[in-house]
Structure formats: structure tokens, C-alpha cells
Amino acid sequence: MQQHAQSREALEHVVYMVEQRSAVKTFFIGVDNTHLDHLRSEVAHMHNRMMHLEHVQSQVQADEDRAVLQEHMHTIQQDQERIRAIITENEYAFSLFGWVCNFFHRI
């Protein structure tokens, strides 16, 4: 659980960096692909954690342990949905530099 808390802090920092990127900078240069790639990677890690927790949950006998696992899985699922929304919102933002590159690439 401590590892999850540390991972969540690092994730929150990356989300902050993506959300705080200046609209002017995004317009001219484009989106911050480094941080978006990190978020995509984190979504994959979360999926793997969910699969592991589902496996563990199927083997746990105590109801209170199952409830704790279920709550943890629910939190991970909410985080996944939030991160996917952030990625979708930011990945297709218009950028002048990107448009110019695409224009010359088509020529």
C-alpha cells in the first residue's frame, strides 16, 4: 500500500504538469508528449495491478479482506478513468508547429 501511495504522488505530479501547461505553449509547440506517455504507461500499470488484485481477491477467504481489496480496486479504476480523460483531453490539442510539420510532410 505504501508503494501505491508513492506511485500516486508521482502520478499526481505528472497530472499537474500536464494540466498546468500553458495554452500558448501548447498552441505553438504542441502537447507535452513526455508526460502524456508517462500517463499512458501508468494506465497500463494500473490495469496490471487490477488484474493482480482480482486474482488475489479470488483466493482470499475473509470478507473484510475482500472488502479492502474491492475498495482498493475501485480507487484504481477511478484513477484510470480520470487519467484516460486527461489524456483524451490533451492528446489532440491543435499546435501551430504540428500543423506546419504535417503540411510540409504532405507536400
PDB file of N, CA and C in Angstrom:
ATOM      1  N   MET A   1       0.814  -1.199   0.000  1.00  0.00           N
ATOM      2  CA  MET A   1       0.000   0.000   0.000  1.00  0.00           C
ATOM      3  C   MET A   1       0.861   1.267   0.000  1.00  0.00           C
ATOM      4  N   GLN A   2       2.022   1.195   0.664  1.00  0.00           N
ATOM      5  CA  GLN A   2       2.908   2.351   0.692  1.00  0.00           C
ATOM      6  C   GLN A   2       3.446   2.632  -0.707  1.00  0.00           C
ATOM      7  N   GLN A   3       3.732   1.577  -1.448  1.00  0.00           N
ATOM      8  CA  GLN A   3       4.210   1.747  -2.817  1.00  0.00           C
ATOM      9  C   GLN A   3       3.143   2.418  -3.669  1.00  0.00           C
ATOM     10  N   HIS A   4       1.883   2.049  -3.451  1.00  0.00           N
ATOM     11  CA  HIS A   4       0.781   2.663  -4.189  1.00  0.00           C
ATOM     12  C   HIS A   4       0.676   4.148  -3.850  1.00  0.00           C
ATOM     13  N   ALA A   5       0.875   4.500  -2.593  1.00  0.00           N
ATOM     14  CA  ALA A   5       0.803   5.903  -2.182  1.00  0.00           C
ATOM     15  C   ALA A   5       1.914   6.721  -2.841  1.00  0.00           C
ATOM     16  N   GLN A   6       3.113   6.159  -2.901  1.00  0.00           N
ATOM     17  CA  GLN A   6       4.226   6.865  -3.549  1.00  0.00           C
ATOM     18  C   GLN A   6       3.978   6.995  -5.044  1.00  0.00           C
ATOM     19  N   SER A   7       3.475   5.935  -5.644  1.00  0.00           N
ATOM     20  CA  SER A   7       3.165   5.965  -7.074  1.00  0.00           C
ATOM     21  C   SER A   7       2.083   6.996  -7.363  1.00  0.00           C
ATOM     22  N   ARG A   8       1.117   7.084  -6.469  1.00  0.00           N
ATOM     23  CA  ARG A   8       0.021   8.036  -6.657  1.00  0.00           C
ATOM     24  C   ARG A   8       0.530   9.475  -6.544  1.00  0.00           C
ATOM     25  N   GLU A   9       1.468   9.735  -5.630  1.00  0.00           N
ATOM     26  CA  GLU A   9       2.052  11.081  -5.515  1.00  0.00           C
ATOM     27  C   GLU A   9       2.776  11.463  -6.800  1.00  0.00           C
ATOM     28  N   ALA A  10       3.570  10.559  -7.327  1.00  0.00           N
ATOM     29  CA  ALA A  10       4.293  10.821  -8.578  1.00  0.00           C
ATOM     30  C   ALA A  10       3.309  11.041  -9.720  1.00  0.00           C
ATOM     31  N   LEU A  11       2.251  10.260  -9.740  1.00  0.00           N
ATOM     32  CA  LEU A  11       1.226  10.400 -10.760  1.00  0.00           C
ATOM     33  C   LEU A  11       0.542  11.756 -10.673  1.00  0.00           C
ATOM     34  N   GLU A  12       0.234  12.190  -9.476  1.00  0.00           N
ATOM     35  CA  GLU A  12      -0.394  13.497  -9.291  1.00  0.00           C
ATOM     36  C   GLU A  12       0.508  14.623  -9.786  1.00  0.00           C
ATOM     37  N   HIS A  13       1.805  14.456  -9.613  1.00  0.00           N
ATOM     38  CA  HIS A  13       2.748  15.474 -10.105  1.00  0.00           C
ATOM     39  C   HIS A  13       2.705  15.537 -11.636  1.00  0.00           C
ATOM     40  N   VAL A  14       2.676  14.383 -12.291  1.00  0.00           N
ATOM     41  CA  VAL A  14       2.622  14.345 -13.760  1.00  0.00           C
ATOM     42  C   VAL A  14       1.303  14.940 -14.249  1.00  0.00           C
ATOM     43  N   VAL A  15       0.208  14.599 -13.583  1.00  0.00           N
ATOM     44  CA  VAL A  15      -1.095  15.165 -13.952  1.00  0.00           C
ATOM     45  C   VAL A  15      -1.053  16.681 -13.800  1.00  0.00           C
ATOM     46  N   TYR A  16      -0.454  17.160 -12.732  1.00  0.00           N
ATOM     47  CA  TYR A  16      -0.329  18.607 -12.504  1.00  0.00           C
ATOM     48  C   TYR A  16       0.456  19.252 -13.649  1.00  0.00           C
ATOM     49  N   MET A  17       1.549  18.619 -14.059  1.00  0.00           N
ATOM     50  CA  MET A  17       2.376  19.176 -15.136  1.00  0.00           C
ATOM     51  C   MET A  17       1.591  19.244 -16.449  1.00  0.00           C
ATOM     52  N   VAL A  18       0.798  18.237 -16.733  1.00  0.00           N
ATOM     53  CA  VAL A  18       0.006  18.226 -17.966  1.00  0.00           C
ATOM     54  C   VAL A  18      -1.071  19.301 -17.908  1.00  0.00           C
ATOM     55  N   GLU A  19      -1.752  19.390 -16.776  1.00  0.00           N
ATOM     56  CA  GLU A  19      -2.864  20.342 -16.663  1.00  0.00           C
ATOM     57  C   GLU A  19      -2.397  21.785 -16.578  1.00  0.00           C
ATOM     58  N   GLN A  20      -1.186  22.019 -16.092  1.00  0.00           N
ATOM     59  CA  GLN A  20      -0.697  23.385 -15.938  1.00  0.00           C
ATOM     60  C   GLN A  20       0.072  23.900 -17.151  1.00  0.00           C
ATOM     61  N   ARG A  21       0.184  23.102 -18.171  1.00  0.00           N
ATOM     62  CA  ARG A  21       0.897  23.543 -19.378  1.00  0.00           C
ATOM     63  C   ARG A  21       0.150  24.725 -19.980  1.00  0.00           C
ATOM     64  N   SER A  22       0.872  25.745 -20.291  1.00  0.00           N
ATOM     65  CA  SER A  22       0.314  26.976 -20.839  1.00  0.00           C
ATOM     66  C   SER A  22      -0.370  26.718 -22.179  1.00  0.00           C
ATOM     67  N   ALA A  23      -1.526  27.338 -22.370  1.00  0.00           N
ATOM     68  CA  ALA A  23      -2.264  27.207 -23.631  1.00  0.00           C
ATOM     69  C   ALA A  23      -1.453  27.788 -24.784  1.00  0.00           C
ATOM     70  N   VAL A  24      -0.701  28.840 -24.510  1.00  0.00           N
ATOM     71  CA  VAL A  24       0.136  29.456 -25.547  1.00  0.00           C
ATOM     72  C   VAL A  24       1.238  28.482 -25.969  1.00  0.00           C
ATOM     73  N   LYS A  25       1.867  27.867 -24.993  1.00  0.00           N
ATOM     74  CA  LYS A  25       2.928  26.904 -25.290  1.00  0.00           C
ATOM     75  C   LYS A  25       2.364  25.719 -26.067  1.00  0.00           C
ATOM     76  N   THR A  26       1.201  25.238 -25.672  1.00  0.00           N
ATOM     77  CA  THR A  26       0.559  24.133 -26.382  1.00  0.00           C
ATOM     78  C   THR A  26       0.212  24.545 -27.804  1.00  0.00           C
ATOM     79  N   PHE A  27      -0.276  25.768 -27.983  1.00  0.00           N
ATOM     80  CA  PHE A  27      -0.646  26.236 -29.313  1.00  0.00           C
ATOM     81  C   PHE A  27       0.558  26.269 -30.245  1.00  0.00           C
ATOM     82  N   PHE A  28       1.683  26.784 -29.774  1.00  0.00           N
ATOM     83  CA  PHE A  28       2.839  26.931 -30.649  1.00  0.00           C
ATOM     84  C   PHE A  28       3.661  25.648 -30.774  1.00  0.00           C
ATOM     85  N   ILE A  29       3.912  24.978 -29.678  1.00  0.00           N
ATOM     86  CA  ILE A  29       4.814  23.824 -29.678  1.00  0.00           C
ATOM     87  C   ILE A  29       4.065  22.502 -29.745  1.00  0.00           C
ATOM     88  N   GLY A  30       2.943  22.426 -29.076  1.00  0.00           N
ATOM     89  CA  GLY A  30       2.177  21.186 -29.025  1.00  0.00           C
ATOM     90  C   GLY A  30       2.073  20.669 -27.602  1.00  0.00           C
ATOM     91  N   VAL A  31       1.506  19.502 -27.492  1.00  0.00           N
ATOM     92  CA  VAL A  31       1.295  18.912 -26.171  1.00  0.00           C
ATOM     93  C   VAL A  31       2.604  18.354 -25.627  1.00  0.00           C
ATOM     94  N   ASP A  32       2.618  18.124 -24.345  1.00  0.00           N
ATOM     95  CA  ASP A  32       3.790  17.566 -23.667  1.00  0.00           C
ATOM     96  C   ASP A  32       3.715  16.047 -23.765  1.00  0.00           C
ATOM     97  N   ASN A  33       4.247  15.500 -24.844  1.00  0.00           N
ATOM     98  CA  ASN A  33       4.149  14.063 -25.094  1.00  0.00           C
ATOM     99  C   ASN A  33       4.882  13.226 -24.060  1.00  0.00           C
ATOM    100  N   THR A  34       5.925  13.760 -23.467  1.00  0.00           N
ATOM    101  CA  THR A  34       6.659  13.013 -22.446  1.00  0.00           C
ATOM    102  C   THR A  34       5.754  12.684 -21.277  1.00  0.00           C
ATOM    103  N   HIS A  35       5.045  13.685 -20.781  1.00  0.00           N
ATOM    104  CA  HIS A  35       4.154  13.459 -19.642  1.00  0.00           C
ATOM    105  C   HIS A  35       2.923  12.644 -20.049  1.00  0.00           C
ATOM    106  N   LEU A  36       2.410  12.857 -21.242  1.00  0.00           N
ATOM    107  CA  LEU A  36       1.270  12.060 -21.697  1.00  0.00           C
ATOM    108  C   LEU A  36       1.666  10.592 -21.858  1.00  0.00           C
ATOM    109  N   ASP A  37       2.870  10.333 -22.353  1.00  0.00           N
ATOM    110  CA  ASP A  37       3.348   8.951 -22.465  1.00  0.00           C
ATOM    111  C   ASP A  37       3.487   8.318 -21.083  1.00  0.00           C
ATOM    112  N   HIS A  38       3.946   9.105 -20.116  1.00  0.00           N
ATOM    113  CA  HIS A  38       4.047   8.610 -18.742  1.00  0.00           C
ATOM    114  C   HIS A  38       2.661   8.234 -18.211  1.00  0.00           C
ATOM    115  N   LEU A  39       1.670   9.065 -18.505  1.00  0.00           N
ATOM    116  CA  LEU A  39       0.302   8.768 -18.069  1.00  0.00           C
ATOM    117  C   LEU A  39      -0.228   7.508 -18.747  1.00  0.00           C
ATOM    118  N   ARG A  40       0.050   7.347 -20.034  1.00  0.00           N
ATOM    119  CA  ARG A  40      -0.378   6.133 -20.736  1.00  0.00           C
ATOM    120  C   ARG A  40       0.258   4.890 -20.109  1.00  0.00           C
ATOM    121  N   SER A  41       1.522   5.007 -19.788  1.00  0.00           N
ATOM    122  CA  SER A  41       2.227   3.907 -19.144  1.00  0.00           C
ATOM    123  C   SER A  41       1.611   3.588 -17.778  1.00  0.00           C
ATOM    124  N   GLU A  42       1.259   4.615 -17.063  1.00  0.00           N
ATOM    125  CA  GLU A  42       0.654   4.419 -15.738  1.00  0.00           C
ATOM    126  C   GLU A  42      -0.707   3.737 -15.849  1.00  0.00           C
ATOM    127  N   VAL A  43      -1.470   4.052 -16.877  1.00  0.00           N
ATOM    128  CA  VAL A  43      -2.761   3.379 -17.090  1.00  0.00           C
ATOM    129  C   VAL A  43      -2.527   1.880 -17.301  1.00  0.00           C
ATOM    130  N   ALA A  44      -1.495   1.530 -18.054  1.00  0.00           N
ATOM    131  CA  ALA A  44      -1.170   0.119 -18.268  1.00  0.00           C
ATOM    132  C   ALA A  44      -0.762  -0.554 -16.965  1.00  0.00           C
ATOM    133  N   HIS A  45       0.034   0.143 -16.152  1.00  0.00           N
ATOM    134  CA  HIS A  45       0.429  -0.403 -14.850  1.00  0.00           C
ATOM    135  C   HIS A  45      -0.791  -0.604 -13.952  1.00  0.00           C
ATOM    136  N   MET A  46      -1.705   0.337 -14.000  1.00  0.00           N
ATOM    137  CA  MET A  46      -2.919   0.216 -13.197  1.00  0.00           C
ATOM    138  C   MET A  46      -3.738  -0.999 -13.639  1.00  0.00           C
ATOM    139  N   HIS A  47      -3.796  -1.214 -14.935  1.00  0.00           N
ATOM    140  CA  HIS A  47      -4.515  -2.380 -15.452  1.00  0.00           C
ATOM    141  C   HIS A  47      -3.888  -3.671 -14.909  1.00  0.00           C
ATOM    142  N   ASN A  48      -2.559  -3.723 -14.920  1.00  0.00           N
ATOM    143  CA  ASN A  48      -1.864  -4.895 -14.400  1.00  0.00           C
ATOM    144  C   ASN A  48      -2.128  -5.083 -12.905  1.00  0.00           C
ATOM    145  N   ARG A  49      -2.133  -3.978 -12.141  1.00  0.00           N
ATOM    146  CA  ARG A  49      -2.447  -4.051 -10.708  1.00  0.00           C
ATOM    147  C   ARG A  49      -3.857  -4.575 -10.483  1.00  0.00           C
ATOM    148  N   MET A  50      -4.791  -4.109 -11.320  1.00  0.00           N
ATOM    149  CA  MET A  50      -6.177  -4.564 -11.198  1.00  0.00           C
ATOM    150  C   MET A  50      -6.267  -6.073 -11.442  1.00  0.00           C
ATOM    151  N   MET A  51      -5.585  -6.552 -12.450  1.00  0.00           N
ATOM    152  CA  MET A  51      -5.603  -7.985 -12.751  1.00  0.00           C
ATOM    153  C   MET A  51      -5.024  -8.790 -11.581  1.00  0.00           C
ATOM    154  N   HIS A  52      -3.943  -8.286 -11.014  1.00  0.00           N
ATOM    155  CA  HIS A  52      -3.323  -8.956  -9.866  1.00  0.00           C
ATOM    156  C   HIS A  52      -4.274  -8.956  -8.663  1.00  0.00           C
ATOM    157  N   LEU A  53      -4.882  -7.826  -8.390  1.00  0.00           N
ATOM    158  CA  LEU A  53      -5.805  -7.744  -7.254  1.00  0.00           C
ATOM    159  C   LEU A  53      -7.026  -8.636  -7.452  1.00  0.00           C
ATOM    160  N   GLU A  54      -7.514  -8.738  -8.677  1.00  0.00           N
ATOM    161  CA  GLU A  54      -8.637  -9.636  -8.950  1.00  0.00           C
ATOM    162  C   GLU A  54      -8.244 -11.087  -8.678  1.00  0.00           C
ATOM    163  N   HIS A  55      -7.020 -11.434  -9.045  1.00  0.00           N
ATOM    164  CA  HIS A  55      -6.527 -12.777  -8.784  1.00  0.00           C
ATOM    165  C   HIS A  55      -6.420 -13.028  -7.281  1.00  0.00           C
ATOM    166  N   VAL A  56      -5.854 -12.072  -6.564  1.00  0.00           N
ATOM    167  CA  VAL A  56      -5.720 -12.200  -5.110  1.00  0.00           C
ATOM    168  C   VAL A  56      -7.093 -12.271  -4.450  1.00  0.00           C
ATOM    169  N   GLN A  57      -8.009 -11.457  -4.918  1.00  0.00           N
ATOM    170  CA  GLN A  57      -9.348 -11.428  -4.331  1.00  0.00           C
ATOM    171  C   GLN A  57     -10.053 -12.780  -4.472  1.00  0.00           C
ATOM    172  N   SER A  58      -9.817 -13.457  -5.582  1.00  0.00           N
ATOM    173  CA  SER A  58     -10.451 -14.760  -5.785  1.00  0.00           C
ATOM    174  C   SER A  58      -9.909 -15.820  -4.819  1.00  0.00           C
ATOM    175  N   GLN A  59      -8.737 -15.559  -4.257  1.00  0.00           N
ATOM    176  CA  GLN A  59      -8.132 -16.521  -3.334  1.00  0.00           C
ATOM    177  C   GLN A  59      -8.353 -16.171  -1.867  1.00  0.00           C
ATOM    178  N   VAL A  60      -8.804 -14.954  -1.584  1.00  0.00           N
ATOM    179  CA  VAL A  60      -8.992 -14.508  -0.206  1.00  0.00           C
ATOM    180  C   VAL A  60     -10.307 -15.064   0.331  1.00  0.00           C
ATOM    181  N   GLN A  61     -10.267 -15.520   1.577  1.00  0.00           N
ATOM    182  CA  GLN A  61     -11.449 -16.116   2.199  1.00  0.00           C
ATOM    183  C   GLN A  61     -12.207 -15.118   3.080  1.00  0.00           C
ATOM    184  N   ALA A  62     -11.497 -14.254   3.779  1.00  0.00           N
ATOM    185  CA  ALA A  62     -12.133 -13.349   4.745  1.00  0.00           C
ATOM    186  C   ALA A  62     -12.880 -12.229   4.027  1.00  0.00           C
ATOM    187  N   ASP A  63     -14.117 -11.978   4.464  1.00  0.00           N
ATOM    188  CA  ASP A  63     -14.951 -10.943   3.854  1.00  0.00           C
ATOM    189  C   ASP A  63     -14.357  -9.551   4.023  1.00  0.00           C
ATOM    190  N   GLU A  64     -13.761  -9.285   5.177  1.00  0.00           N
ATOM    191  CA  GLU A  64     -13.191  -7.947   5.393  1.00  0.00           C
ATOM    192  C   GLU A  64     -11.982  -7.707   4.488  1.00  0.00           C
ATOM    193  N   ASP A  65     -11.194  -8.748   4.234  1.00  0.00           N
ATOM    194  CA  ASP A  65     -10.069  -8.613   3.300  1.00  0.00           C
ATOM    195  C   ASP A  65     -10.572  -8.396   1.872  1.00  0.00           C
ATOM    196  N   ARG A  66     -11.630  -9.101   1.514  1.00  0.00           N
ATOM    197  CA  ARG A  66     -12.236  -8.907   0.191  1.00  0.00           C
ATOM    198  C   ARG A  66     -12.749  -7.474   0.032  1.00  0.00           C
ATOM    199  N   ALA A  67     -13.342  -6.935   1.110  1.00  0.00           N
ATOM    200  CA  ALA A  67     -13.867  -5.564   1.061  1.00  0.00           C
ATOM    201  C   ALA A  67     -12.738  -4.562   0.878  1.00  0.00           C
ATOM    202  N   VAL A  68     -11.630  -4.779   1.560  1.00  0.00           N
ATOM    203  CA  VAL A  68     -10.472  -3.879   1.420  1.00  0.00           C
ATOM    204  C   VAL A  68      -9.934  -3.937  -0.006  1.00  0.00           C
ATOM    205  N   LEU A  69      -9.810  -5.141  -0.539  1.00  0.00           N
ATOM    206  CA  LEU A  69      -9.337  -5.291  -1.919  1.00  0.00           C
ATOM    207  C   LEU A  69     -10.299  -4.642  -2.914  1.00  0.00           C
ATOM    208  N   GLN A  70     -11.589  -4.825  -2.685  1.00  0.00           N
ATOM    209  CA  GLN A  70     -12.590  -4.239  -3.574  1.00  0.00           C
ATOM    210  C   GLN A  70     -12.515  -2.717  -3.555  1.00  0.00           C
ATOM    211  N   GLU A  71     -12.326  -2.152  -2.373  1.00  0.00           N
ATOM    212  CA  GLU A  71     -12.202  -0.691  -2.254  1.00  0.00           C
ATOM    213  C   GLU A  71     -10.954  -0.196  -2.979  1.00  0.00           C
ATOM    214  N   HIS A  72      -9.862  -0.925  -2.821  1.00  0.00           N
ATOM    215  CA  HIS A  72      -8.611  -0.554  -3.484  1.00  0.00           C
ATOM    216  C   HIS A  72      -8.777  -0.641  -5.007  1.00  0.00           C
ATOM    217  N   MET A  73      -9.443  -1.673  -5.484  1.00  0.00           N
ATOM    218  CA  MET A  73      -9.679  -1.827  -6.917  1.00  0.00           C
ATOM    219  C   MET A  73     -10.581  -0.708  -7.447  1.00  0.00           C
ATOM    220  N   HIS A  74     -11.539  -0.315  -6.657  1.00  0.00           N
ATOM    221  CA  HIS A  74     -12.431   0.777  -7.062  1.00  0.00           C
ATOM    222  C   HIS A  74     -11.651   2.087  -7.192  1.00  0.00           C
ATOM    223  N   THR A  75     -10.749   2.336  -6.263  1.00  0.00           N
ATOM    224  CA  THR A  75      -9.915   3.544  -6.315  1.00  0.00           C
ATOM    225  C   THR A  75      -9.039   3.540  -7.562  1.00  0.00           C
ATOM    226  N   ILE A  76      -8.440   2.403  -7.855  1.00  0.00           N
ATOM    227  CA  ILE A  76      -7.594   2.297  -9.048  1.00  0.00           C
ATOM    228  C   ILE A  76      -8.417   2.530 -10.309  1.00  0.00           C
ATOM    229  N   GLN A  77      -9.615   1.971 -10.345  1.00  0.00           N
ATOM    230  CA  GLN A  77     -10.482   2.146 -11.511  1.00  0.00           C
ATOM    231  C   GLN A  77     -10.856   3.616 -11.705  1.00  0.00           C
ATOM    232  N   GLN A  78     -11.157   4.315 -10.627  1.00  0.00           N
ATOM    233  CA  GLN A  78     -11.477   5.746 -10.724  1.00  0.00           C
ATOM    234  C   GLN A  78     -10.272   6.532 -11.228  1.00  0.00           C
ATOM    235  N   ASP A  79      -9.087   6.196 -10.726  1.00  0.00           N
ATOM    236  CA  ASP A  79      -7.865   6.865 -11.180  1.00  0.00           C
ATOM    237  C   ASP A  79      -7.628   6.614 -12.671  1.00  0.00           C
ATOM    238  N   GLN A  80      -7.863   5.380 -13.107  1.00  0.00           N
ATOM    239  CA  GLN A  80      -7.706   5.054 -14.529  1.00  0.00           C
ATOM    240  C   GLN A  80      -8.632   5.903 -15.393  1.00  0.00           C
ATOM    241  N   GLU A  81      -9.869   6.004 -15.005  1.00  0.00           N
ATOM    242  CA  GLU A  81     -10.842   6.780 -15.783  1.00  0.00           C
ATOM    243  C   GLU A  81     -10.453   8.253 -15.832  1.00  0.00           C
ATOM    244  N   ARG A  82     -10.006   8.782 -14.711  1.00  0.00           N
ATOM    245  CA  ARG A  82      -9.592  10.182 -14.651  1.00  0.00           C
ATOM    246  C   ARG A  82      -8.391  10.435 -15.564  1.00  0.00           C
ATOM    247  N   ILE A  83      -7.407   9.545 -15.522  1.00  0.00           N
ATOM    248  CA  ILE A  83      -6.208   9.715 -16.332  1.00  0.00           C
ATOM    249  C   ILE A  83      -6.537   9.569 -17.815  1.00  0.00           C
ATOM    250  N   ARG A  84      -7.377   8.611 -18.152  1.00  0.00           N
ATOM    251  CA  ARG A  84      -7.778   8.467 -19.564  1.00  0.00           C
ATOM    252  C   ARG A  84      -8.471   9.729 -20.064  1.00  0.00           C
ATOM    253  N   ALA A  85      -9.289  10.342 -19.227  1.00  0.00           N
ATOM    254  CA  ALA A  85      -9.963  11.585 -19.615  1.00  0.00           C
ATOM    255  C   ALA A  85      -8.947  12.702 -19.838  1.00  0.00           C
ATOM    256  N   ILE A  86      -7.949  12.791 -18.989  1.00  0.00           N
ATOM    257  CA  ILE A  86      -6.903  13.812 -19.131  1.00  0.00           C
ATOM    258  C   ILE A  86      -6.119  13.581 -20.411  1.00  0.00           C
ATOM    259  N   ILE A  87      -5.785  12.336 -20.687  1.00  0.00           N
ATOM    260  CA  ILE A  87      -5.047  12.011 -21.916  1.00  0.00           C
ATOM    261  C   ILE A  87      -5.871  12.400 -23.138  1.00  0.00           C
ATOM    262  N   THR A  88      -7.136  11.996 -23.159  1.00  0.00           N
ATOM    263  CA  THR A  88      -8.002  12.289 -24.298  1.00  0.00           C
ATOM    264  C   THR A  88      -8.162  13.791 -24.494  1.00  0.00           C
ATOM    265  N   GLU A  89      -8.286  14.509 -23.423  1.00  0.00           N
ATOM    266  CA  GLU A  89      -8.472  15.959 -23.490  1.00  0.00           C
ATOM    267  C   GLU A  89      -7.242  16.663 -24.044  1.00  0.00           C
ATOM    268  N   ASN A  90      -6.060  16.127 -23.774  1.00  0.00           N
ATOM    269  CA  ASN A  90      -4.827  16.821 -24.133  1.00  0.00           C
ATOM    270  C   ASN A  90      -4.119  16.296 -25.373  1.00  0.00           C
ATOM    271  N   GLU A  91      -4.345  15.059 -25.764  1.00  0.00           N
ATOM    272  CA  GLU A  91      -3.510  14.490 -26.815  1.00  0.00           C
ATOM    273  C   GLU A  91      -3.777  15.046 -28.212  1.00  0.00           C
ATOM    274  N   TYR A  92      -4.954  15.547 -28.473  1.00  0.00           N
ATOM    275  CA  TYR A  92      -5.264  16.043 -29.817  1.00  0.00           C
ATOM    276  C   TYR A  92      -5.390  17.564 -29.882  1.00  0.00           C
ATOM    277  N   ALA A  93      -4.728  18.236 -28.972  1.00  0.00           N
ATOM    278  CA  ALA A  93      -4.763  19.701 -28.981  1.00  0.00           C
ATOM    279  C   ALA A  93      -4.040  20.223 -30.226  1.00  0.00           C
ATOM    280  N   PHE A  94      -4.592  21.258 -30.812  1.00  0.00           N
ATOM    281  CA  PHE A  94      -4.009  21.862 -32.012  1.00  0.00           C
ATOM    282  C   PHE A  94      -2.712  22.567 -31.648  1.00  0.00           C
ATOM    283  N   SER A  95      -1.712  22.417 -32.524  1.00  0.00           N
ATOM    284  CA  SER A  95      -0.475  23.174 -32.357  1.00  0.00           C
ATOM    285  C   SER A  95      -0.027  23.678 -33.726  1.00  0.00           C
ATOM    286  N   LEU A  96       0.451  24.883 -33.747  1.00  0.00           N
ATOM    287  CA  LEU A  96       0.913  25.505 -34.978  1.00  0.00           C
ATOM    288  C   LEU A  96       2.105  24.750 -35.554  1.00  0.00           C
ATOM    289  N   PHE A  97       3.054  24.412 -34.717  1.00  0.00           N
ATOM    290  CA  PHE A  97       4.234  23.680 -35.164  1.00  0.00           C
ATOM    291  C   PHE A  97       3.838  22.328 -35.757  1.00  0.00           C
ATOM    292  N   GLY A  98       2.930  21.627 -35.095  1.00  0.00           N
ATOM    293  CA  GLY A  98       2.454  20.339 -35.599  1.00  0.00           C
ATOM    294  C   GLY A  98       1.749  20.480 -36.933  1.00  0.00           C
ATOM    295  N   TRP A  99       0.964  21.527 -37.073  1.00  0.00           N
ATOM    296  CA  TRP A  99       0.255  21.761 -38.322  1.00  0.00           C
ATOM    297  C   TRP A  99       1.239  22.034 -39.455  1.00  0.00           C
ATOM    298  N   VAL A 100       2.239  22.868 -39.194  1.00  0.00           N
ATOM    299  CA  VAL A 100       3.247  23.191 -40.216  1.00  0.00           C
ATOM    300  C   VAL A 100       4.006  21.934 -40.618  1.00  0.00           C
ATOM    301  N   CYS A 101       4.391  21.122 -39.632  1.00  0.00           N
ATOM    302  CA  CYS A 101       5.101  19.874 -39.946  1.00  0.00           C
ATOM    303  C   CYS A 101       4.251  18.957 -40.808  1.00  0.00           C
ATOM    304  N   ASN A 102       2.985  18.820 -40.464  1.00  0.00           N
ATOM    305  CA  ASN A 102       2.093  17.974 -41.254  1.00  0.00           C
ATOM    306  C   ASN A 102       1.898  18.537 -42.660  1.00  0.00           C
ATOM    307  N   PHE A 103       1.841  19.844 -42.781  1.00  0.00           N
ATOM    308  CA  PHE A 103       1.662  20.483 -44.083  1.00  0.00           C
ATOM    309  C   PHE A 103       2.848  20.158 -44.993  1.00  0.00           C
ATOM    310  N   PHE A 104       4.074  20.329 -44.469  1.00  0.00           N
ATOM    311  CA  PHE A 104       5.252  20.069 -45.282  1.00  0.00           C
ATOM    312  C   PHE A 104       5.479  18.584 -45.516  1.00  0.00           C
ATOM    313  N   HIS A 105       4.988  17.773 -44.624  1.00  0.00           N
ATOM    314  CA  HIS A 105       5.129  16.326 -44.780  1.00  0.00           C
ATOM    315  C   HIS A 105       4.255  15.837 -45.936  1.00  0.00           C
ATOM    316  N   ARG A 106       3.122  16.451 -46.134  1.00  0.00           N
ATOM    317  CA  ARG A 106       2.193  16.052 -47.194  1.00  0.00           C
ATOM    318  C   ARG A 106       2.656  16.514 -48.579  1.00  0.00           C
ATOM    319  N   ILE A 107       3.507  17.508 -48.604  1.00  0.00           N
ATOM    320  CA  ILE A 107       3.976  18.058 -49.896  1.00  0.00           C
ATOM    321  C   ILE A 107       4.978  17.149 -50.544  1.00  0.00           C
TER     322      ILE A 107
END
